[in-house]
PDB file of all heavy atoms in Angstrom:
ATOM      1  N   ASP A   1     223.765 146.306 184.846  1.00  0.00           N
ATOM      2  CA  ASP A   1     224.858 147.161 185.287  1.00  0.00           C
ATOM      3  C   ASP A   1     226.010 146.317 185.773  1.00  0.00           C
ATOM      4  O   ASP A   1     227.173 146.676 185.593  1.00  0.00           O
ATOM      5  CB  ASP A   1     224.384 148.090 186.394  1.00  0.00           C
ATOM      6  CG  ASP A   1     223.463 149.173 185.906  1.00  0.00           C
ATOM      7  OD1 ASP A   1     223.576 149.552 184.733  1.00  0.00           O
ATOM      8  OD2 ASP A   1     222.612 149.615 186.695  1.00  0.00           O
ATOM      9  N   VAL A   2     225.704 145.217 186.435  1.00  0.00           N
ATOM     10  CA  VAL A   2     226.733 144.329 186.990  1.00  0.00           C
ATOM     11  C   VAL A   2     226.293 142.891 186.739  1.00  0.00           C
ATOM     12  O   VAL A   2     225.114 142.562 186.895  1.00  0.00           O
ATOM     13  CB  VAL A   2     226.890 144.557 188.525  1.00  0.00           C
ATOM     14  CG1 VAL A   2     227.844 143.563 189.104  1.00  0.00           C
ATOM     15  CG2 VAL A   2     227.325 145.973 188.813  1.00  0.00           C
ATOM     16  N   TYR A   3     227.247 142.055 186.372  1.00  0.00           N
ATOM     17  CA  TYR A   3     226.993 140.632 186.203  1.00  0.00           C
ATOM     18  C   TYR A   3     228.043 139.863 186.994  1.00  0.00           C
ATOM     19  O   TYR A   3     229.229 140.030 186.758  1.00  0.00           O
ATOM     20  CB  TYR A   3     227.055 140.255 184.717  1.00  0.00           C
ATOM     21  CG  TYR A   3     226.962 138.783 184.487  1.00  0.00           C
ATOM     22  CD1 TYR A   3     225.781 138.097 184.691  1.00  0.00           C
ATOM     23  CD2 TYR A   3     228.077 138.058 184.090  1.00  0.00           C
ATOM     24  CE1 TYR A   3     225.686 136.729 184.494  1.00  0.00           C
ATOM     25  CE2 TYR A   3     228.011 136.693 183.874  1.00  0.00           C
ATOM     26  CZ  TYR A   3     226.812 136.033 184.080  1.00  0.00           C
ATOM     27  OH  TYR A   3     226.738 134.691 183.876  1.00  0.00           O
ATOM     28  N   LEU A   4     227.583 139.064 187.923  1.00  0.00           N
ATOM     29  CA  LEU A   4     228.505 138.262 188.753  1.00  0.00           C
ATOM     30  C   LEU A   4     228.467 136.832 188.219  1.00  0.00           C
ATOM     31  O   LEU A   4     227.438 136.185 188.219  1.00  0.00           O
ATOM     32  CB  LEU A   4     228.073 138.296 190.227  1.00  0.00           C
ATOM     33  CG  LEU A   4     228.014 139.694 190.853  1.00  0.00           C
ATOM     34  CD1 LEU A   4     227.489 139.615 192.268  1.00  0.00           C
ATOM     35  CD2 LEU A   4     229.390 140.331 190.820  1.00  0.00           C
ATOM     36  N   SER A   5     229.602 136.363 187.734  1.00  0.00           N
ATOM     37  CA  SER A   5     229.666 135.042 187.126  1.00  0.00           C
ATOM     38  C   SER A   5     230.029 133.936 188.133  1.00  0.00           C
ATOM     39  O   SER A   5     229.879 132.770 187.810  1.00  0.00           O
ATOM     40  CB  SER A   5     230.670 135.023 185.970  1.00  0.00           C
ATOM     41  OG  SER A   5     231.946 135.370 186.461  1.00  0.00           O
ATOM     42  N   ARG A   6     230.478 134.306 189.309  1.00  0.00           N
ATOM     43  CA  ARG A   6     230.816 133.302 190.331  1.00  0.00           C
ATOM     44  C   ARG A   6     229.740 133.278 191.402  1.00  0.00           C
ATOM     45  O   ARG A   6     229.199 134.322 191.765  1.00  0.00           O
ATOM     46  CB  ARG A   6     232.169 133.649 190.971  1.00  0.00           C
ATOM     47  CG  ARG A   6     233.326 133.554 189.988  1.00  0.00           C
ATOM     48  CD  ARG A   6     234.634 133.868 190.668  1.00  0.00           C
ATOM     49  NE  ARG A   6     234.621 135.298 191.045  1.00  0.00           N
ATOM     50  CZ  ARG A   6     235.430 135.829 191.932  1.00  0.00           C
ATOM     51  NH1 ARG A   6     236.342 135.091 192.536  1.00  0.00           N
ATOM     52  NH2 ARG A   6     235.374 137.122 192.214  1.00  0.00           N
ATOM     53  N   PRO A   7     229.434 132.105 191.916  1.00  0.00           N
ATOM     54  CA  PRO A   7     228.406 132.026 192.959  1.00  0.00           C
ATOM     55  C   PRO A   7     228.944 132.495 194.312  1.00  0.00           C
ATOM     56  O   PRO A   7     230.162 132.567 194.537  1.00  0.00           O
ATOM     57  CB  PRO A   7     228.080 130.530 192.996  1.00  0.00           C
ATOM     58  CG  PRO A   7     229.310 129.857 192.528  1.00  0.00           C
ATOM     59  CD  PRO A   7     229.945 130.796 191.525  1.00  0.00           C
ATOM     60  N   GLY A   8     228.040 132.833 195.188  1.00  0.00           N
ATOM     61  CA  GLY A   8     228.413 133.198 196.536  1.00  0.00           C
ATOM     62  C   GLY A   8     228.418 134.708 196.749  1.00  0.00           C
ATOM     63  O   GLY A   8     228.096 135.490 195.874  1.00  0.00           O
ATOM     64  N   VAL A   9     228.833 135.069 197.966  1.00  0.00           N
ATOM     65  CA  VAL A   9     228.841 136.458 198.376  1.00  0.00           C
ATOM     66  C   VAL A   9     230.189 137.121 198.067  1.00  0.00           C
ATOM     67  O   VAL A   9     230.272 138.349 197.933  1.00  0.00           O
ATOM     68  CB  VAL A   9     228.509 136.568 199.884  1.00  0.00           C
ATOM     69  CG1 VAL A   9     228.493 137.999 200.341  1.00  0.00           C
ATOM     70  CG2 VAL A   9     227.174 135.901 200.165  1.00  0.00           C
ATOM     71  N   ALA A  10     231.242 136.363 197.919  1.00  0.00           N
ATOM     72  CA  ALA A  10     232.602 136.924 197.721  1.00  0.00           C
ATOM     73  C   ALA A  10     232.688 137.854 196.517  1.00  0.00           C
ATOM     74  O   ALA A  10     233.294 138.932 196.638  1.00  0.00           O
ATOM     75  CB  ALA A  10     233.620 135.797 197.600  1.00  0.00           C
ATOM     76  N   PRO A  11     232.115 137.520 195.378  1.00  0.00           N
ATOM     77  CA  PRO A  11     232.188 138.472 194.264  1.00  0.00           C
ATOM     78  C   PRO A  11     231.481 139.790 194.550  1.00  0.00           C
ATOM     79  O   PRO A  11     231.915 140.845 194.116  1.00  0.00           O
ATOM     80  CB  PRO A  11     231.497 137.751 193.104  1.00  0.00           C
ATOM     81  CG  PRO A  11     231.522 136.318 193.467  1.00  0.00           C
ATOM     82  CD  PRO A  11     231.508 136.265 194.947  1.00  0.00           C
ATOM     83  N   LEU A  12     230.415 139.733 195.299  1.00  0.00           N
ATOM     84  CA  LEU A  12     229.696 140.942 195.671  1.00  0.00           C
ATOM     85  C   LEU A  12     230.535 141.829 196.594  1.00  0.00           C
ATOM     86  O   LEU A  12     230.591 143.043 196.440  1.00  0.00           O
ATOM     87  CB  LEU A  12     228.356 140.611 196.312  1.00  0.00           C
ATOM     88  CG  LEU A  12     227.431 141.748 196.618  1.00  0.00           C
ATOM     89  CD1 LEU A  12     227.065 142.497 195.356  1.00  0.00           C
ATOM     90  CD2 LEU A  12     226.195 141.270 197.344  1.00  0.00           C
ATOM     91  N   VAL A  13     231.227 141.179 197.531  1.00  0.00           N
ATOM     92  CA  VAL A  13     232.116 141.927 198.437  1.00  0.00           C
ATOM     93  C   VAL A  13     233.241 142.570 197.648  1.00  0.00           C
ATOM     94  O   VAL A  13     233.581 143.750 197.865  1.00  0.00           O
ATOM     95  CB  VAL A  13     232.658 140.991 199.540  1.00  0.00           C
ATOM     96  CG1 VAL A  13     233.718 141.671 200.366  1.00  0.00           C
ATOM     97  CG2 VAL A  13     231.514 140.483 200.420  1.00  0.00           C
ATOM     98  N   GLU A  14     233.810 141.826 196.689  1.00  0.00           N
ATOM     99  CA  GLU A  14     234.885 142.384 195.847  1.00  0.00           C
ATOM    100  C   GLU A  14     234.365 143.565 195.045  1.00  0.00           C
ATOM    101  O   GLU A  14     235.066 144.575 194.871  1.00  0.00           O
ATOM    102  CB  GLU A  14     235.411 141.318 194.908  1.00  0.00           C
ATOM    103  CG  GLU A  14     236.203 140.246 195.602  1.00  0.00           C
ATOM    104  CD  GLU A  14     236.620 139.132 194.626  1.00  0.00           C
ATOM    105  OE1 GLU A  14     236.568 139.354 193.399  1.00  0.00           O
ATOM    106  OE2 GLU A  14     236.976 138.035 195.121  1.00  0.00           O
ATOM    107  N   LEU A  15     233.143 143.472 194.555  1.00  0.00           N
ATOM    108  CA  LEU A  15     232.536 144.553 193.787  1.00  0.00           C
ATOM    109  C   LEU A  15     232.381 145.806 194.639  1.00  0.00           C
ATOM    110  O   LEU A  15     232.676 146.928 194.187  1.00  0.00           O
ATOM    111  CB  LEU A  15     231.180 144.111 193.230  1.00  0.00           C
ATOM    112  CG  LEU A  15     230.436 145.124 192.390  1.00  0.00           C
ATOM    113  CD1 LEU A  15     231.158 145.401 191.098  1.00  0.00           C
ATOM    114  CD2 LEU A  15     229.017 144.626 192.123  1.00  0.00           C
ATOM    115  N   VAL A  16     231.928 145.653 195.866  1.00  0.00           N
ATOM    116  CA  VAL A  16     231.757 146.791 196.761  1.00  0.00           C
ATOM    117  C   VAL A  16     233.108 147.438 197.058  1.00  0.00           C
ATOM    118  O   VAL A  16     233.243 148.670 197.034  1.00  0.00           O
ATOM    119  CB  VAL A  16     231.022 146.378 198.054  1.00  0.00           C
ATOM    120  CG1 VAL A  16     231.054 147.472 199.088  1.00  0.00           C
ATOM    121  CG2 VAL A  16     229.587 145.979 197.752  1.00  0.00           C
ATOM    122  N   TRP A  17     234.123 146.640 197.334  1.00  0.00           N
ATOM    123  CA  TRP A  17     235.456 147.188 197.620  1.00  0.00           C
ATOM    124  C   TRP A  17     236.018 147.922 196.412  1.00  0.00           C
ATOM    125  O   TRP A  17     236.629 148.982 196.530  1.00  0.00           O
ATOM    126  CB  TRP A  17     236.418 146.110 198.081  1.00  0.00           C
ATOM    127  CG  TRP A  17     236.223 145.745 199.501  1.00  0.00           C
ATOM    128  CD1 TRP A  17     235.699 144.604 200.002  1.00  0.00           C
ATOM    129  CD2 TRP A  17     236.555 146.554 200.652  1.00  0.00           C
ATOM    130  NE1 TRP A  17     235.664 144.638 201.367  1.00  0.00           N
ATOM    131  CE2 TRP A  17     236.189 145.833 201.809  1.00  0.00           C
ATOM    132  CE3 TRP A  17     237.085 147.817 200.808  1.00  0.00           C
ATOM    133  CZ2 TRP A  17     236.333 146.331 203.080  1.00  0.00           C
ATOM    134  CZ3 TRP A  17     237.261 148.322 202.090  1.00  0.00           C
ATOM    135  CH2 TRP A  17     236.873 147.572 203.213  1.00  0.00           C
ATOM    136  N   ALA A  18     235.785 147.346 195.210  1.00  0.00           N
ATOM    137  CA  ALA A  18     236.274 147.991 193.996  1.00  0.00           C
ATOM    138  C   ALA A  18     235.549 149.325 193.771  1.00  0.00           C
ATOM    139  O   ALA A  18     236.160 150.307 193.352  1.00  0.00           O
ATOM    140  CB  ALA A  18     236.080 147.070 192.803  1.00  0.00           C
ATOM    141  N   ALA A  19     234.258 149.355 194.046  1.00  0.00           N
ATOM    142  CA  ALA A  19     233.505 150.601 193.896  1.00  0.00           C
ATOM    143  C   ALA A  19     234.001 151.651 194.865  1.00  0.00           C
ATOM    144  O   ALA A  19     234.115 152.838 194.528  1.00  0.00           O
ATOM    145  CB  ALA A  19     232.014 150.332 194.102  1.00  0.00           C
ATOM    146  N   ARG A  20     234.332 151.238 196.085  1.00  0.00           N
ATOM    147  CA  ARG A  20     234.885 152.188 197.073  1.00  0.00           C
ATOM    148  C   ARG A  20     236.248 152.728 196.641  1.00  0.00           C
ATOM    149  O   ARG A  20     236.522 153.905 196.805  1.00  0.00           O
ATOM    150  CB  ARG A  20     234.982 151.516 198.449  1.00  0.00           C
ATOM    151  CG  ARG A  20     233.644 151.332 199.089  1.00  0.00           C
ATOM    152  CD  ARG A  20     233.790 150.686 200.452  1.00  0.00           C
ATOM    153  NE  ARG A  20     232.460 150.489 201.037  1.00  0.00           N
ATOM    154  CZ  ARG A  20     232.231 149.771 202.119  1.00  0.00           C
ATOM    155  NH1 ARG A  20     233.234 149.185 202.749  1.00  0.00           N
ATOM    156  NH2 ARG A  20     231.011 149.636 202.567  1.00  0.00           N
ATOM    157  N   ARG A  21     237.090 151.851 196.090  1.00  0.00           N
ATOM    158  CA  ARG A  21     238.395 152.301 195.580  1.00  0.00           C
ATOM    159  C   ARG A  21     238.202 153.306 194.459  1.00  0.00           C
ATOM    160  O   ARG A  21     238.908 154.304 194.367  1.00  0.00           O
ATOM    161  CB  ARG A  21     239.224 151.115 195.071  1.00  0.00           C
ATOM    162  CG  ARG A  21     239.930 150.339 196.150  1.00  0.00           C
ATOM    163  CD  ARG A  21     240.990 149.408 195.553  1.00  0.00           C
ATOM    164  NE  ARG A  21     240.526 148.632 194.413  1.00  0.00           N
ATOM    165  CZ  ARG A  21     240.047 147.393 194.466  1.00  0.00           C
ATOM    166  NH1 ARG A  21     239.955 146.767 195.611  1.00  0.00           N
ATOM    167  NH2 ARG A  21     239.693 146.766 193.356  1.00  0.00           N
ATOM    168  N   THR A  22     237.248 153.027 193.582  1.00  0.00           N
ATOM    169  CA  THR A  22     236.984 153.929 192.483  1.00  0.00           C
ATOM    170  C   THR A  22     236.511 155.294 192.963  1.00  0.00           C
ATOM    171  O   THR A  22     236.983 156.330 192.493  1.00  0.00           O
ATOM    172  CB  THR A  22     235.926 153.318 191.533  1.00  0.00           C
ATOM    173  OG1 THR A  22     236.416 152.064 191.045  1.00  0.00           O
ATOM    174  CG2 THR A  22     235.611 154.228 190.368  1.00  0.00           C
ATOM    175  N   MET A  23     235.604 155.297 193.936  1.00  0.00           N
ATOM    176  CA  MET A  23     235.120 156.563 194.479  1.00  0.00           C
ATOM    177  C   MET A  23     236.234 157.318 195.196  1.00  0.00           C
ATOM    178  O   MET A  23     236.323 158.541 195.122  1.00  0.00           O
ATOM    179  CB  MET A  23     233.940 156.344 195.417  1.00  0.00           C
ATOM    180  CG  MET A  23     232.660 155.938 194.703  1.00  0.00           C
ATOM    181  SD  MET A  23     232.170 157.102 193.394  1.00  0.00           S
ATOM    182  CE  MET A  23     231.888 158.580 194.339  1.00  0.00           C
ATOM    183  N   ARG A  24     237.120 156.609 195.880  1.00  0.00           N
ATOM    184  CA  ARG A  24     238.267 157.230 196.550  1.00  0.00           C
ATOM    185  C   ARG A  24     239.174 157.886 195.506  1.00  0.00           C
ATOM    186  O   ARG A  24     239.666 159.005 195.703  1.00  0.00           O
ATOM    187  CB  ARG A  24     239.030 156.188 197.361  1.00  0.00           C
ATOM    188  CG  ARG A  24     240.036 156.781 198.294  1.00  0.00           C
ATOM    189  CD  ARG A  24     240.758 155.744 199.152  1.00  0.00           C
ATOM    190  NE  ARG A  24     239.907 154.662 199.586  1.00  0.00           N
ATOM    191  CZ  ARG A  24     240.171 153.351 199.369  1.00  0.00           C
ATOM    192  NH1 ARG A  24     241.267 152.998 198.748  1.00  0.00           N
ATOM    193  NH2 ARG A  24     239.358 152.420 199.804  1.00  0.00           N
ATOM    194  N   THR A  25     239.382 157.213 194.377  1.00  0.00           N
ATOM    195  CA  THR A  25     240.198 157.761 193.317  1.00  0.00           C
ATOM    196  C   THR A  25     239.555 159.004 192.720  1.00  0.00           C
ATOM    197  O   THR A  25     240.223 160.014 192.485  1.00  0.00           O
ATOM    198  CB  THR A  25     240.418 156.708 192.204  1.00  0.00           C
ATOM    199  OG1 THR A  25     241.090 155.576 192.779  1.00  0.00           O
ATOM    200  CG2 THR A  25     241.248 157.251 191.079  1.00  0.00           C
ATOM    201  N   ILE A  26     238.257 158.956 192.504  1.00  0.00           N
ATOM    202  CA  ILE A  26     237.540 160.107 191.949  1.00  0.00           C
ATOM    203  C   ILE A  26     237.628 161.310 192.871  1.00  0.00           C
ATOM    204  O   ILE A  26     237.922 162.422 192.468  1.00  0.00           O
ATOM    205  CB  ILE A  26     236.076 159.738 191.633  1.00  0.00           C
ATOM    206  CG1 ILE A  26     236.031 158.752 190.467  1.00  0.00           C
ATOM    207  CG2 ILE A  26     235.240 160.978 191.333  1.00  0.00           C
ATOM    208  CD1 ILE A  26     234.671 158.147 190.239  1.00  0.00           C
ATOM    209  N   ARG A  27     237.345 161.061 194.141  1.00  0.00           N
ATOM    210  CA  ARG A  27     237.398 162.158 195.114  1.00  0.00           C
ATOM    211  C   ARG A  27     238.804 162.733 195.258  1.00  0.00           C
ATOM    212  O   ARG A  27     239.004 163.948 195.355  1.00  0.00           O
ATOM    213  CB  ARG A  27     236.880 161.686 196.468  1.00  0.00           C
ATOM    214  CG  ARG A  27     235.398 161.487 196.502  1.00  0.00           C
ATOM    215  CD  ARG A  27     234.919 161.128 197.897  1.00  0.00           C
ATOM    216  NE  ARG A  27     233.535 160.731 197.865  1.00  0.00           N
ATOM    217  CZ  ARG A  27     233.107 159.497 198.103  1.00  0.00           C
ATOM    218  NH1 ARG A  27     233.963 158.529 198.393  1.00  0.00           N
ATOM    219  NH2 ARG A  27     231.829 159.210 198.037  1.00  0.00           N
ATOM    220  N   GLY A  28     239.795 161.852 195.268  1.00  0.00           N
ATOM    221  CA  GLY A  28     241.186 162.307 195.369  1.00  0.00           C
ATOM    222  C   GLY A  28     241.594 163.133 194.172  1.00  0.00           C
ATOM    223  O   GLY A  28     242.246 164.183 194.287  1.00  0.00           O
ATOM    224  N   SER A  29     241.230 162.688 192.985  1.00  0.00           N
ATOM    225  CA  SER A  29     241.552 163.405 191.768  1.00  0.00           C
ATOM    226  C   SER A  29     240.859 164.757 191.729  1.00  0.00           C
ATOM    227  O   SER A  29     241.442 165.765 191.327  1.00  0.00           O
ATOM    228  CB  SER A  29     241.156 162.587 190.533  1.00  0.00           C
ATOM    229  OG  SER A  29     241.915 161.409 190.439  1.00  0.00           O
ATOM    230  N   LEU A  30     239.599 164.788 192.149  1.00  0.00           N
ATOM    231  CA  LEU A  30     238.882 166.038 192.204  1.00  0.00           C
ATOM    232  C   LEU A  30     239.530 167.016 193.180  1.00  0.00           C
ATOM    233  O   LEU A  30     239.690 168.202 192.879  1.00  0.00           O
ATOM    234  CB  LEU A  30     237.423 165.804 192.587  1.00  0.00           C
ATOM    235  CG  LEU A  30     236.502 167.005 192.592  1.00  0.00           C
ATOM    236  CD1 LEU A  30     236.412 167.617 191.218  1.00  0.00           C
ATOM    237  CD2 LEU A  30     235.132 166.611 193.089  1.00  0.00           C
ATOM    238  N   GLY A  31     239.935 166.521 194.337  1.00  0.00           N
ATOM    239  CA  GLY A  31     240.603 167.391 195.331  1.00  0.00           C
ATOM    240  C   GLY A  31     241.923 167.924 194.841  1.00  0.00           C
ATOM    241  O   GLY A  31     242.208 169.117 194.987  1.00  0.00           O
ATOM    242  N   VAL A  32     242.724 167.056 194.234  1.00  0.00           N
ATOM    243  CA  VAL A  32     244.033 167.506 193.712  1.00  0.00           C
ATOM    244  C   VAL A  32     243.824 168.535 192.612  1.00  0.00           C
ATOM    245  O   VAL A  32     244.503 169.577 192.586  1.00  0.00           O
ATOM    246  CB  VAL A  32     244.841 166.298 193.188  1.00  0.00           C
ATOM    247  CG1 VAL A  32     246.007 166.727 192.350  1.00  0.00           C
ATOM    248  CG2 VAL A  32     245.294 165.429 194.350  1.00  0.00           C
ATOM    249  N   SER A  33     242.902 168.275 191.709  1.00  0.00           N
ATOM    250  CA  SER A  33     242.643 169.202 190.611  1.00  0.00           C
ATOM    251  C   SER A  33     242.129 170.539 191.134  1.00  0.00           C
ATOM    252  O   SER A  33     242.559 171.606 190.651  1.00  0.00           O
ATOM    253  CB  SER A  33     241.634 168.584 189.649  1.00  0.00           C
ATOM    254  OG  SER A  33     241.328 169.480 188.616  1.00  0.00           O
ATOM    255  N   LEU A  34     241.229 170.503 192.071  1.00  0.00           N
ATOM    256  CA  LEU A  34     240.676 171.728 192.633  1.00  0.00           C
ATOM    257  C   LEU A  34     241.774 172.573 193.300  1.00  0.00           C
ATOM    258  O   LEU A  34     241.898 173.771 193.028  1.00  0.00           O
ATOM    259  CB  LEU A  34     239.561 171.424 193.611  1.00  0.00           C
ATOM    260  CG  LEU A  34     238.836 172.603 194.219  1.00  0.00           C
ATOM    261  CD1 LEU A  34     238.102 173.376 193.142  1.00  0.00           C
ATOM    262  CD2 LEU A  34     237.872 172.149 195.287  1.00  0.00           C
TER     263      LEU A  34
END
């Protein structure tokens, strides 16, 4: 599902933040549409 090509924890933190942004966008779009 996910492949991190850089070592360390930083790519994982970036992945979590990106997932949160994506969920915020989904929820916002759903609210606006509703």
